[in-house]
Amino acid sequence: MPTLEVAFQMDPMSGVDIDADSTFALALEAQGRGHALFHYTPDRLSYLEGRVVAHGQDMLLRRERGHHVTFGDWREVDLAEMDVVWLRQDPPFDMSYITTTHILDRIHPGTLVVNDPTWVRNWPEKLMVLDFPDLTPPTVVARDLQTFRDFRARHGDVILKPLYGNGGAGVFRLRPDDGNLASLHETFAMINREPLIMQKYLPAVTKGDKRVILVDGEPIGAINRVPAAGETRSNMHVGGRPEKVELTARDREICEAIGPRLRERGQIFVGIDVIGEWLTEINVTSPTGLQELQRFDGTDGAALIWDAIERRLG
């Protein structure tokens, strides 16, 4: 494969944790293959008189804590001249995020944008699972308080969370006798006008929330994220402990059901969340877990992802 020009649209590379960040692993693998790296933050992306441009810097990476990146001079790049653009900024999945996908649509697929911005936009992670009701726990997406009350009356123990949140922020477990539903609904309503999502609580979460990583629709491995003592959420951002885990027959059944659609819609790097027997989220915006997977079982997910990209580029 000849040298590729690769741009990373992401949060500042200078601030990443080099031992955990998946974008760092992806960029380091690209550099190791001889590809040239360019870095810019989402606020530096523009549509300018028919062109899609980014103001950023070339970068050189090294796995050296405290000295992991060296930037070149600031310059403006026409992203249509890049071979690959990575859409890797973290959520929240708000109108700013959505607008970047509209702008990047202008260059894709002439420039390969990973993941495909049309389907990142049209398939937000907590909504994508609604395409697979047989694989998911009972779920309601609504704004109306009575709808949530009726749902909890049917299912008892539930989880309430923002529809477009991330990292475990704003996730609440509400037991049948919990009197805080109306108060939480009121609080969320003061923050924004977005619907909320409620799902039946899955007791299996105490044993872990499994993150299964798929590359071009195929599962390559998984890590388990175990909640901290006294915590409902298993996200590593809030203290969840990653541990080694194997793929089960049910995990593979879920991946077999969703994989072809992910592949068709250009979702090359995806992380799904599985609790017990149930699919709860399909993460396409900025999935994580590559470095933990490599530490636990030696699977080099970053290399497999770049193999898939290079195959797509022919």
Protein backbone atom coordinates (compact mmCIF):
# COMPACT_ATOMS: atom_id res chain seq x y z
CA MET A 1 0.00 0.00 0.00
CA PRO A 2 1.48 3.40 -0.95
CA THR A 3 1.74 6.16 1.63
CA LEU A 4 -1.67 7.52 2.57
CA GLU A 5 -2.52 11.04 3.67
CA VAL A 6 -4.61 10.57 6.81
CA ALA A 7 -6.44 13.28 8.75
CA PHE A 8 -7.80 12.83 12.28
CA GLN A 9 -10.76 14.98 13.27
CA MET A 10 -10.65 14.59 17.04
CA ASP A 11 -10.33 16.22 20.41
CA PRO A 12 -6.79 17.52 21.06
CA MET A 13 -4.21 14.75 20.65
CA SER A 14 -2.04 16.49 23.23
CA GLY A 15 -4.51 15.54 25.97
CA VAL A 16 -5.08 11.83 25.30
CA ASP A 17 -4.13 8.96 27.61
CA ILE A 18 -1.64 7.04 25.46
CA ASP A 19 -2.26 3.81 27.41
CA ALA A 20 -6.02 3.81 26.85
CA ASP A 21 -7.02 6.03 23.93
CA SER A 22 -8.14 4.14 20.82
CA THR A 23 -7.55 7.08 18.48
CA PHE A 24 -3.92 7.21 19.59
CA ALA A 25 -3.60 3.49 18.80
CA LEU A 26 -5.16 3.97 15.36
CA ALA A 27 -2.92 6.92 14.52
CA LEU A 28 0.22 5.16 15.79
CA GLU A 29 -0.59 2.11 13.65
CA ALA A 30 -1.08 4.33 10.59
CA GLN A 31 2.25 6.02 11.23
CA GLY A 32 3.92 2.63 11.59
CA ARG A 33 2.64 1.73 8.11
CA GLY A 34 4.30 4.81 6.69
CA HIS A 35 1.17 6.93 6.38
CA ALA A 36 1.32 10.71 6.95
CA LEU A 37 -0.77 12.10 9.82
CA PHE A 38 -2.65 15.41 10.01
CA HIS A 39 -4.56 16.54 13.12
CA TYR A 40 -7.37 19.05 13.53
CA THR A 41 -10.15 19.66 16.03
CA PRO A 42 -13.83 19.84 14.94
CA ASP A 43 -14.01 23.61 15.40
CA ARG A 44 -11.31 23.95 12.71
CA LEU A 45 -13.41 22.22 10.04
CA SER A 46 -15.03 24.52 7.43
CA TYR A 47 -17.01 24.50 4.22
CA LEU A 48 -15.38 27.24 2.14
CA GLU A 49 -16.67 28.18 -1.31
CA GLY A 50 -17.18 24.64 -2.51
CA ARG A 51 -14.27 23.08 -0.63
CA VAL A 52 -14.08 21.25 2.69
CA VAL A 53 -11.04 22.55 4.53
CA ALA A 54 -9.42 22.00 7.90
CA HIS A 55 -6.93 24.15 9.75
CA GLY A 56 -4.53 21.93 11.66
CA GLN A 57 -1.07 20.47 11.95
CA ASP A 58 0.94 17.48 10.80
CA MET A 59 1.83 15.24 13.72
CA LEU A 60 4.44 12.69 14.71
CA LEU A 61 3.58 10.24 17.49
CA ARG A 62 5.59 8.16 19.92
CA ARG A 63 4.55 5.93 22.83
CA GLU A 64 6.29 8.09 25.38
CA ARG A 65 4.24 9.45 28.25
CA GLY A 66 4.52 13.23 28.53
CA HIS A 67 6.12 13.51 25.09
CA HIS A 68 3.80 11.51 22.83
CA VAL A 69 3.19 14.02 20.02
CA THR A 70 5.12 16.59 18.04
CA PHE A 71 3.15 18.98 15.86
CA GLY A 72 4.23 20.73 12.69
CA ASP A 73 3.32 24.24 11.62
CA TRP A 74 -0.31 25.24 11.30
CA ARG A 75 -1.65 24.89 7.76
CA GLU A 76 -4.89 24.70 5.85
CA VAL A 77 -5.70 21.42 4.10
CA ASP A 78 -8.31 20.66 1.44
CA LEU A 79 -9.72 17.41 2.86
CA ALA A 80 -10.73 16.23 -0.61
CA GLU A 81 -7.00 15.75 -1.20
CA MET A 82 -6.69 13.39 1.77
CA ASP A 83 -7.01 9.62 1.35
CA VAL A 84 -8.67 8.99 4.73
CA VAL A 85 -10.38 11.23 7.27
CA TRP A 86 -11.12 9.78 10.70
CA LEU A 87 -14.26 11.10 12.43
CA ARG A 88 -13.11 10.56 16.02
CA GLN A 89 -14.17 13.42 18.27
CA ASP A 90 -15.98 12.29 21.39
CA PRO A 91 -19.69 12.98 21.84
CA PRO A 92 -21.96 14.64 23.03
CA PHE A 93 -23.84 13.96 19.83
CA ASP A 94 -25.21 17.47 19.47
CA MET A 95 -25.85 19.81 16.52
CA SER A 96 -22.17 20.72 16.41
CA TYR A 97 -21.30 17.05 15.98
CA ILE A 98 -24.07 16.52 13.44
CA THR A 99 -22.96 19.53 11.38
CA THR A 100 -19.47 18.06 11.01
CA THR A 101 -21.04 14.94 9.48
CA HIS A 102 -22.95 17.08 6.96
CA ILE A 103 -19.73 18.85 5.97
CA LEU A 104 -17.74 15.61 5.68
CA ASP A 105 -20.49 14.15 3.48
CA ARG A 106 -19.22 16.60 0.83
CA ILE A 107 -15.95 14.67 0.41
CA HIS A 108 -17.02 11.07 1.12
CA PRO A 109 -16.50 8.57 -0.51
CA GLY A 110 -13.94 10.26 -2.76
CA THR A 111 -12.03 10.67 0.46
CA LEU A 112 -12.83 7.73 2.70
CA VAL A 113 -14.38 9.03 5.94
CA VAL A 114 -14.33 6.50 8.78
CA ASN A 115 -16.93 5.87 10.01
CA ASP A 116 -19.24 6.88 7.12
CA PRO A 117 -20.63 10.24 8.32
CA THR A 118 -24.09 9.75 6.82
CA TRP A 119 -24.71 6.69 8.97
CA VAL A 120 -22.97 8.08 12.03
CA ARG A 121 -25.52 10.88 11.81
CA ASN A 122 -28.55 8.75 10.91
CA TRP A 123 -27.75 5.90 13.29
CA PRO A 124 -27.03 7.39 16.75
CA GLU A 125 -25.90 4.65 19.09
CA LYS A 126 -28.88 4.46 21.43
CA LEU A 127 -31.31 4.60 18.49
CA MET A 128 -29.57 2.16 16.17
CA VAL A 129 -30.49 -0.72 18.47
CA LEU A 130 -34.18 -0.05 17.78
CA ASP A 131 -33.63 -1.76 14.41
CA PHE A 132 -33.07 -5.01 16.32
CA PRO A 133 -35.92 -5.32 18.85
CA ASP A 134 -35.46 -9.09 19.19
CA LEU A 135 -31.91 -8.53 20.48
CA THR A 136 -32.59 -5.69 22.92
CA PRO A 137 -34.25 -5.39 26.34
CA PRO A 138 -37.66 -3.65 26.57
CA THR A 139 -37.04 -0.02 25.62
CA VAL A 140 -38.96 3.24 25.35
CA VAL A 141 -37.82 6.52 23.79
CA ALA A 142 -40.09 9.37 24.82
CA ARG A 143 -40.44 12.84 26.26
CA ASP A 144 -43.73 12.37 28.07
CA LEU A 145 -43.58 11.60 31.80
CA GLN A 146 -46.68 9.41 31.83
CA THR A 147 -45.18 7.17 29.16
CA PHE A 148 -42.21 6.52 31.44
CA ARG A 149 -44.47 5.93 34.42
CA ASP A 150 -46.47 3.35 32.47
CA PHE A 151 -43.29 1.65 31.23
CA ARG A 152 -41.89 1.37 34.76
CA ALA A 153 -45.21 0.04 36.01
CA ARG A 154 -44.87 -2.78 33.48
CA HIS A 155 -41.19 -3.56 34.00
CA GLY A 156 -40.38 -2.45 37.56
CA ASP A 157 -36.64 -1.88 37.82
CA VAL A 158 -35.48 0.43 34.99
CA ILE A 159 -32.59 2.53 33.71
CA LEU A 160 -33.21 6.14 32.60
CA LYS A 161 -30.58 8.00 30.57
CA PRO A 162 -30.14 10.84 28.07
CA LEU A 163 -30.70 9.75 24.48
CA TYR A 164 -27.52 11.41 23.26
CA GLY A 165 -25.31 11.16 26.34
CA ASN A 166 -21.99 9.37 26.62
CA GLY A 167 -19.51 7.99 29.13
CA GLY A 168 -22.20 7.03 31.62
CA ALA A 169 -23.19 10.65 32.31
CA GLY A 170 -26.77 11.10 33.47
CA VAL A 171 -27.56 7.38 33.82
CA PHE A 172 -29.96 6.53 36.66
CA ARG A 173 -31.34 3.27 37.98
CA LEU A 174 -34.90 3.65 39.24
CA ARG A 175 -36.28 0.79 41.32
CA PRO A 176 -40.05 0.28 41.51
CA ASP A 177 -40.33 2.23 44.77
CA ASP A 178 -37.99 5.07 43.74
CA GLY A 179 -39.82 8.40 43.95
CA ASN A 180 -37.39 10.39 41.80
CA LEU A 181 -38.73 9.73 38.30
CA ALA A 182 -40.75 12.95 38.03
CA SER A 183 -37.92 14.99 39.52
CA LEU A 184 -35.35 13.54 37.12
CA HIS A 185 -37.69 14.07 34.18
CA GLU A 186 -38.12 17.70 35.22
CA THR A 187 -34.35 18.16 35.56
CA PHE A 188 -33.64 16.74 32.11
CA ALA A 189 -36.43 18.91 30.66
CA MET A 190 -34.69 22.03 31.97
CA ILE A 191 -31.43 21.04 30.25
CA ASN A 192 -32.73 20.43 26.70
CA ARG A 193 -35.74 19.40 24.66
CA GLU A 194 -34.42 15.98 23.68
CA PRO A 195 -36.25 12.72 24.45
CA LEU A 196 -34.94 10.30 27.04
CA ILE A 197 -34.47 6.55 26.79
CA MET A 198 -35.62 4.07 29.40
CA GLN A 199 -34.78 0.35 29.40
CA LYS A 200 -35.64 -2.54 31.67
CA TYR A 201 -32.84 -2.98 34.20
CA LEU A 202 -30.71 -6.05 33.54
CA PRO A 203 -29.38 -7.58 36.78
CA ALA A 204 -26.58 -9.24 34.79
CA VAL A 205 -24.86 -5.84 34.64
CA THR A 206 -23.39 -6.54 38.09
CA LYS A 207 -21.23 -9.16 36.35
CA GLY A 208 -20.22 -6.68 33.68
CA ASP A 209 -21.20 -4.75 30.58
CA LYS A 210 -19.38 -6.39 27.69
CA ARG A 211 -17.86 -4.23 24.94
CA VAL A 212 -17.60 -6.28 21.75
CA ILE A 213 -15.47 -4.73 19.01
CA LEU A 214 -16.40 -5.27 15.37
CA VAL A 215 -14.21 -4.44 12.38
CA ASP A 216 -16.09 -4.09 9.10
CA GLY A 217 -18.97 -6.07 10.59
CA GLU A 218 -16.91 -8.92 12.06
CA PRO A 219 -16.27 -9.38 15.81
CA ILE A 220 -12.59 -9.43 16.76
CA GLY A 221 -12.92 -9.72 20.53
CA ALA A 222 -14.39 -8.23 23.68
CA ILE A 223 -13.59 -6.74 27.04
CA ASN A 224 -15.80 -6.85 30.11
CA ARG A 225 -16.42 -3.68 32.10
CA VAL A 226 -17.39 -4.36 35.70
CA PRO A 227 -19.10 -1.60 37.72
CA ALA A 228 -17.33 -0.27 40.80
CA ALA A 229 -18.82 -1.21 44.15
CA GLY A 230 -22.08 0.63 44.72
CA GLU A 231 -22.20 1.87 41.11
CA THR A 232 -24.80 1.05 38.45
CA ARG A 233 -22.70 2.27 35.53
CA SER A 234 -19.86 0.18 34.11
CA ASN A 235 -18.28 2.83 31.86
CA MET A 236 -14.53 3.11 32.36
CA HIS A 237 -14.95 6.91 32.52
CA VAL A 238 -16.74 6.45 35.85
CA GLY A 239 -14.60 3.75 37.42
CA GLY A 240 -15.65 0.60 35.59
CA ARG A 241 -12.93 -2.06 35.72
CA PRO A 242 -11.95 -3.66 32.39
CA GLU A 243 -11.23 -7.37 32.43
CA LYS A 244 -10.56 -10.19 29.99
CA VAL A 245 -13.61 -11.99 28.59
CA GLU A 246 -14.39 -14.39 25.76
CA LEU A 247 -17.05 -14.05 23.09
CA THR A 248 -20.08 -16.25 23.79
CA ALA A 249 -22.37 -17.94 21.31
CA ARG A 250 -24.96 -15.22 22.05
CA ASP A 251 -22.40 -12.47 21.36
CA ARG A 252 -21.65 -14.06 17.98
CA GLU A 253 -25.37 -14.40 17.23
CA ILE A 254 -25.84 -10.68 17.86
CA CYS A 255 -22.83 -9.79 15.70
CA GLU A 256 -24.05 -12.03 12.90
CA ALA A 257 -27.39 -10.21 12.93
CA ILE A 258 -26.01 -6.66 12.91
CA GLY A 259 -22.66 -7.11 11.14
CA PRO A 260 -23.83 -7.06 7.50
CA ARG A 261 -25.71 -3.80 8.02
CA LEU A 262 -22.70 -2.19 9.70
CA ARG A 263 -20.47 -3.24 6.81
CA GLU A 264 -22.90 -2.03 4.13
CA ARG A 265 -23.16 1.36 5.82
CA GLY A 266 -19.45 2.01 6.17
CA GLN A 267 -19.17 1.50 9.93
CA ILE A 268 -15.66 0.04 10.00
CA PHE A 269 -14.89 0.44 13.72
CA VAL A 270 -17.85 -0.29 15.99
CA GLY A 271 -18.19 -1.17 19.66
CA ILE A 272 -21.41 -2.79 20.83
CA ASP A 273 -22.51 -3.12 24.44
CA VAL A 274 -23.94 -6.46 25.60
CA ILE A 275 -25.35 -7.10 29.08
CA GLY A 276 -26.09 -10.75 29.70
CA GLU A 277 -28.00 -11.87 26.61
CA TRP A 278 -29.03 -8.40 25.42
CA LEU A 279 -27.69 -5.75 23.07
CA THR A 280 -28.00 -2.30 24.67
CA GLU A 281 -25.97 0.07 22.45
CA ILE A 282 -24.17 0.17 19.09
CA ASN A 283 -21.37 2.73 19.35
CA VAL A 284 -20.25 4.28 16.06
CA THR A 285 -19.24 7.85 16.95
CA SER A 286 -15.97 7.26 18.81
CA PRO A 287 -15.81 3.69 20.12
CA THR A 288 -13.08 2.67 22.54
CA GLY A 289 -11.47 -0.49 23.86
CA LEU A 290 -8.67 -1.25 21.36
CA GLN A 291 -5.79 -0.96 23.81
CA GLU A 292 -7.53 -2.96 26.54
CA LEU A 293 -8.33 -5.71 24.02
CA GLN A 294 -4.69 -5.93 22.95
CA ARG A 295 -3.48 -6.09 26.55
CA PHE A 296 -5.92 -8.85 27.51
CA ASP A 297 -5.64 -11.26 24.57
CA GLY A 298 -3.07 -9.84 22.15
CA THR A 299 -5.58 -8.93 19.43
CA ASP A 300 -4.24 -5.90 17.53
CA GLY A 301 -7.52 -4.21 16.67
CA ALA A 302 -5.84 -1.10 15.25
CA ALA A 303 -3.95 -3.25 12.72
CA LEU A 304 -7.13 -5.12 11.76
CA ILE A 305 -8.97 -1.83 11.27
CA TRP A 306 -6.22 -0.49 9.01
CA ASP A 307 -6.25 -3.75 7.06
CA ALA A 308 -9.99 -3.19 6.46
CA ILE A 309 -9.43 0.43 5.40
CA GLU A 310 -6.64 -0.50 3.01
CA ARG A 311 -8.85 -3.21 1.48
CA ARG A 312 -11.56 -0.62 0.88
CA LEU A 313 -9.03 1.65 -0.79
CA GLY A 314 -7.97 -1.19 -3.06
